[in-house]
Amino acid sequence: MAELTYFTGPMDCGKSTLALQMAYTESTAGRQGRLFTMLDRSGEATITSRIGLTSPAIEVTSELDLWKYVVSELTGGRRVDFLVCDEAQFYTPAHVDQLARIVDELQIDVFCFGILTDFRTELFPASRRLVELCDRMEMLQVRPRCWCGEPATHNARTLNGVMVTEGSQVVVGDIGDAEVAYQVLCRRHHRRHVTAQVAAVTLSPEPLPFEAE
């Protein structure tokens, strides 16, 4: 039986790397698939991994009907055994419904890769729908680290190194030193808005979360 699987985790945990590995592994078994992405960090219709792996992909737009696309491929005599959908958090809930229909009615495996929550710790709409509909959700085992060394669980958006909690849910960026960038933090430092840059210029240790006697 085909499955809709959602592979998820915070930024920098290897989601795009795994997406490309999944496509490679399925292809070496003689299966033919299609790769999709949306708003990739490269700015192109490409799945890119931070370790240097890349592959061309089909850009998902709000107007693209994934169900109609796959049906068109099949009726045109082109084989489709699986779909790899990277940056799935940026899709629309309607896209996720289309993917579920592809699995159920066409018996095509769909592998989705994305982030659960945004920089405000709120679920992306497509991620919420994937959690509701997927047959299986897998948390990636490669865990990024916060600047303090603890496992990172939250995604932070920064403006010149300072964490921000307001703004559009979708602003494409990457981990780095750009004016608007992202970094992963543990929950404690996400709650306190302490980014790596803020910690580096702090002259005194973090205050205790309670009054010392």
Protein backbone atom coordinates (compact mmCIF):
# COMPACT_ATOMS: atom_id res chain seq x y z
CA MET A 1 0.00 0.00 0.00
CA ALA A 2 1.22 3.47 -0.87
CA GLU A 3 1.82 5.93 1.99
CA LEU A 4 1.92 9.65 2.64
CA THR A 5 4.96 10.15 4.86
CA TYR A 6 6.07 13.39 6.49
CA PHE A 7 9.71 13.70 7.46
CA THR A 8 10.16 16.69 9.74
CA GLY A 9 12.54 18.42 12.11
CA PRO A 10 14.00 21.87 12.79
CA MET A 11 16.19 23.69 10.31
CA ASP A 12 19.62 22.30 9.56
CA CYS A 13 18.71 18.70 10.43
CA GLY A 14 19.20 17.29 6.92
CA LYS A 15 15.67 17.29 5.47
CA SER A 16 16.70 18.24 1.93
CA THR A 17 19.66 15.85 2.10
CA LEU A 18 17.29 13.03 3.02
CA ALA A 19 14.86 14.08 0.27
CA LEU A 20 17.62 13.74 -2.33
CA GLN A 21 18.77 10.45 -0.81
CA MET A 22 15.20 9.15 -0.92
CA ALA A 23 14.88 10.07 -4.59
CA TYR A 24 18.20 8.37 -5.35
CA THR A 25 17.32 5.21 -3.42
CA GLU A 26 13.91 4.88 -5.05
CA SER A 27 15.40 5.47 -8.51
CA THR A 28 18.10 2.82 -8.07
CA ALA A 29 15.28 0.33 -7.44
CA GLY A 30 13.94 1.07 -10.92
CA ARG A 31 11.15 3.37 -9.75
CA GLN A 32 10.40 6.65 -11.50
CA GLY A 33 9.44 9.71 -9.54
CA ARG A 34 9.01 13.46 -9.60
CA LEU A 35 10.74 15.98 -7.32
CA PHE A 36 8.91 19.08 -6.12
CA THR A 37 9.99 22.06 -4.07
CA MET A 38 8.70 25.50 -3.12
CA LEU A 39 10.71 28.59 -2.23
CA ASP A 40 14.00 26.74 -2.02
CA ARG A 41 16.86 28.74 -0.47
CA SER A 42 18.60 28.82 -3.87
CA GLY A 43 15.78 30.87 -5.36
CA GLU A 44 15.41 28.35 -8.18
CA ALA A 45 13.33 25.25 -8.91
CA THR A 46 16.00 23.10 -7.27
CA ILE A 47 16.27 20.99 -4.15
CA THR A 48 19.48 22.08 -2.46
CA SER A 49 21.18 20.63 0.59
CA ARG A 50 23.60 22.54 2.79
CA ILE A 51 26.17 19.77 2.32
CA GLY A 52 26.29 20.55 -1.40
CA LEU A 53 23.83 18.10 -2.97
CA THR A 54 21.40 19.51 -5.54
CA SER A 55 18.81 18.26 -8.00
CA PRO A 56 16.39 19.97 -10.39
CA ALA A 57 12.78 19.97 -9.22
CA ILE A 58 9.35 21.19 -10.22
CA GLU A 59 8.40 24.45 -8.53
CA VAL A 60 5.14 24.28 -6.58
CA THR A 61 3.01 27.39 -6.92
CA SER A 62 -0.34 28.22 -5.36
CA GLU A 63 -1.95 27.61 -8.77
CA LEU A 64 -0.39 24.17 -9.32
CA ASP A 65 -2.83 21.28 -8.86
CA LEU A 66 -0.66 18.31 -7.95
CA TRP A 67 -3.48 15.83 -8.57
CA LYS A 68 -4.08 17.12 -12.10
CA TYR A 69 -0.35 17.19 -12.79
CA VAL A 70 0.16 13.54 -11.86
CA VAL A 71 -2.98 12.40 -13.70
CA SER A 72 -1.74 14.26 -16.79
CA GLU A 73 1.60 12.49 -16.56
CA LEU A 74 -0.06 9.07 -16.26
CA THR A 75 -2.58 9.62 -19.05
CA GLY A 76 0.29 10.83 -21.22
CA GLY A 77 1.97 7.45 -20.82
CA ARG A 78 4.64 8.63 -18.38
CA ARG A 79 5.31 6.44 -15.37
CA VAL A 80 5.10 7.88 -11.86
CA ASP A 81 5.90 5.65 -8.88
CA PHE A 82 6.68 8.21 -6.18
CA LEU A 83 6.79 11.91 -5.37
CA VAL A 84 9.41 13.71 -3.28
CA CYS A 85 8.07 17.01 -1.95
CA ASP A 86 10.66 19.24 -0.28
CA GLU A 87 9.95 22.46 1.66
CA ALA A 88 6.45 21.08 2.19
CA GLN A 89 5.73 23.58 4.96
CA PHE A 90 5.33 26.25 2.27
CA TYR A 91 2.66 24.31 0.33
CA THR A 92 -1.01 25.08 0.83
CA PRO A 93 -3.39 22.81 2.75
CA ALA A 94 -5.09 22.18 -0.62
CA HIS A 95 -1.79 20.81 -1.96
CA VAL A 96 -1.65 18.39 0.96
CA ASP A 97 -5.19 17.22 0.24
CA GLN A 98 -4.15 16.63 -3.37
CA LEU A 99 -1.15 14.59 -2.24
CA ALA A 100 -3.35 12.45 0.01
CA ARG A 101 -5.68 11.81 -2.93
CA ILE A 102 -2.71 10.79 -5.10
CA VAL A 103 -1.72 8.22 -2.47
CA ASP A 104 -5.22 6.87 -1.92
CA GLU A 105 -6.56 6.77 -5.47
CA LEU A 106 -3.42 6.29 -7.57
CA GLN A 107 -1.38 4.22 -5.10
CA ILE A 108 1.68 6.44 -5.52
CA ASP A 109 4.05 6.92 -2.57
CA VAL A 110 4.49 10.53 -1.47
CA PHE A 111 7.46 11.56 0.68
CA CYS A 112 7.17 15.07 2.16
CA PHE A 113 9.97 16.95 3.91
CA GLY A 114 9.48 20.13 5.90
CA ILE A 115 9.46 22.13 9.12
CA LEU A 116 6.60 21.87 11.59
CA THR A 117 6.64 25.34 13.16
CA ASP A 118 7.66 28.82 12.10
CA PHE A 119 9.82 31.40 13.90
CA ARG A 120 6.90 32.18 16.22
CA THR A 121 6.57 28.48 17.18
CA GLU A 122 3.25 28.31 15.30
CA LEU A 123 2.44 25.43 12.95
CA PHE A 124 2.66 26.13 9.24
CA PRO A 125 -0.80 25.52 7.71
CA ALA A 126 0.52 22.83 5.35
CA SER A 127 2.42 21.13 8.17
CA ARG A 128 -0.72 21.08 10.29
CA ARG A 129 -2.60 19.44 7.40
CA LEU A 130 0.19 16.92 6.88
CA VAL A 131 0.04 15.95 10.55
CA GLU A 132 -3.70 15.49 10.19
CA LEU A 133 -3.54 13.38 7.02
CA CYS A 134 -0.19 11.60 6.82
CA ASP A 135 0.04 7.84 7.28
CA ARG A 136 3.33 8.24 9.10
CA MET A 137 5.39 11.09 10.52
CA GLU A 138 9.13 10.64 11.03
CA MET A 139 11.25 12.95 13.18
CA LEU A 140 14.72 13.21 11.67
CA GLN A 141 17.40 11.75 13.91
CA VAL A 142 20.13 14.26 13.04
CA ARG A 143 19.63 16.97 15.64
CA PRO A 144 21.17 20.41 15.16
CA ARG A 145 22.68 22.19 18.16
CA CYS A 146 21.87 25.53 19.71
CA TRP A 147 24.84 27.85 20.17
CA CYS A 148 24.90 26.75 23.83
CA GLY A 149 25.43 23.12 22.85
CA GLU A 150 21.96 21.85 23.75
CA PRO A 151 19.81 20.15 21.09
CA ALA A 152 18.06 22.81 19.01
CA THR A 153 14.29 22.46 18.71
CA HIS A 154 13.08 25.90 17.63
CA ASN A 155 13.60 28.03 14.53
CA ALA A 156 14.43 31.69 15.09
CA ARG A 157 14.31 34.53 12.58
CA THR A 158 16.94 37.18 13.16
CA LEU A 159 17.41 40.72 11.96
CA ASN A 160 21.07 41.68 12.13
CA GLY A 161 21.55 38.95 14.72
CA VAL A 162 18.60 39.96 16.92
CA MET A 163 15.65 37.59 17.19
CA VAL A 164 12.32 38.91 15.88
CA THR A 165 8.86 37.48 16.55
CA GLU A 166 6.72 39.58 14.21
CA GLY A 167 6.36 39.66 10.47
CA SER A 168 5.17 37.52 7.60
CA GLN A 169 5.17 33.80 8.28
CA VAL A 170 7.11 33.10 5.07
CA VAL A 171 10.35 35.00 4.48
CA VAL A 172 12.87 32.90 2.61
CA GLY A 173 16.31 32.97 4.16
CA ASP A 174 19.11 30.76 5.32
CA ILE A 175 21.44 30.19 8.22
CA GLY A 176 24.19 32.77 7.95
CA ASP A 177 25.16 36.39 8.48
CA ALA A 178 22.61 38.01 6.18
CA GLU A 179 20.54 40.93 7.45
CA VAL A 180 17.50 38.64 7.70
CA ALA A 181 18.55 35.10 8.56
CA TYR A 182 17.56 32.08 10.59
CA GLN A 183 19.18 30.03 13.30
CA VAL A 184 18.12 27.12 15.43
CA LEU A 185 17.89 27.50 19.20
CA CYS A 186 16.99 25.36 22.17
CA ARG A 187 13.63 26.19 23.74
CA ARG A 188 15.21 28.05 26.64
CA HIS A 189 17.13 30.48 24.46
CA HIS A 190 14.27 30.85 22.01
CA ARG A 191 12.02 31.86 24.91
CA ARG A 192 14.63 34.37 26.09
CA HIS A 193 15.42 35.62 22.56
CA VAL A 194 19.12 34.90 23.08
CA THR A 195 20.71 34.30 19.70
CA ALA A 196 24.36 33.41 19.12
CA GLN A 197 25.11 37.05 18.26
CA VAL A 198 23.38 38.37 21.38
CA ALA A 199 25.19 35.84 23.56
CA ALA A 200 28.54 36.82 22.04
CA VAL A 201 28.19 40.48 23.08
CA THR A 202 26.61 39.87 26.48
CA LEU A 203 29.08 40.97 29.14
CA SER A 204 27.29 39.31 32.05
CA PRO A 205 25.81 35.82 32.43
CA GLU A 206 22.14 35.28 31.72
CA PRO A 207 19.87 36.34 34.62
CA LEU A 208 18.32 33.64 36.67
CA PRO A 209 14.62 33.03 35.91
CA PHE A 210 13.84 33.65 39.58
CA GLU A 211 14.88 35.97 42.40
CA ALA A 212 17.90 34.74 44.36
CA GLU A 213 17.57 35.00 48.13
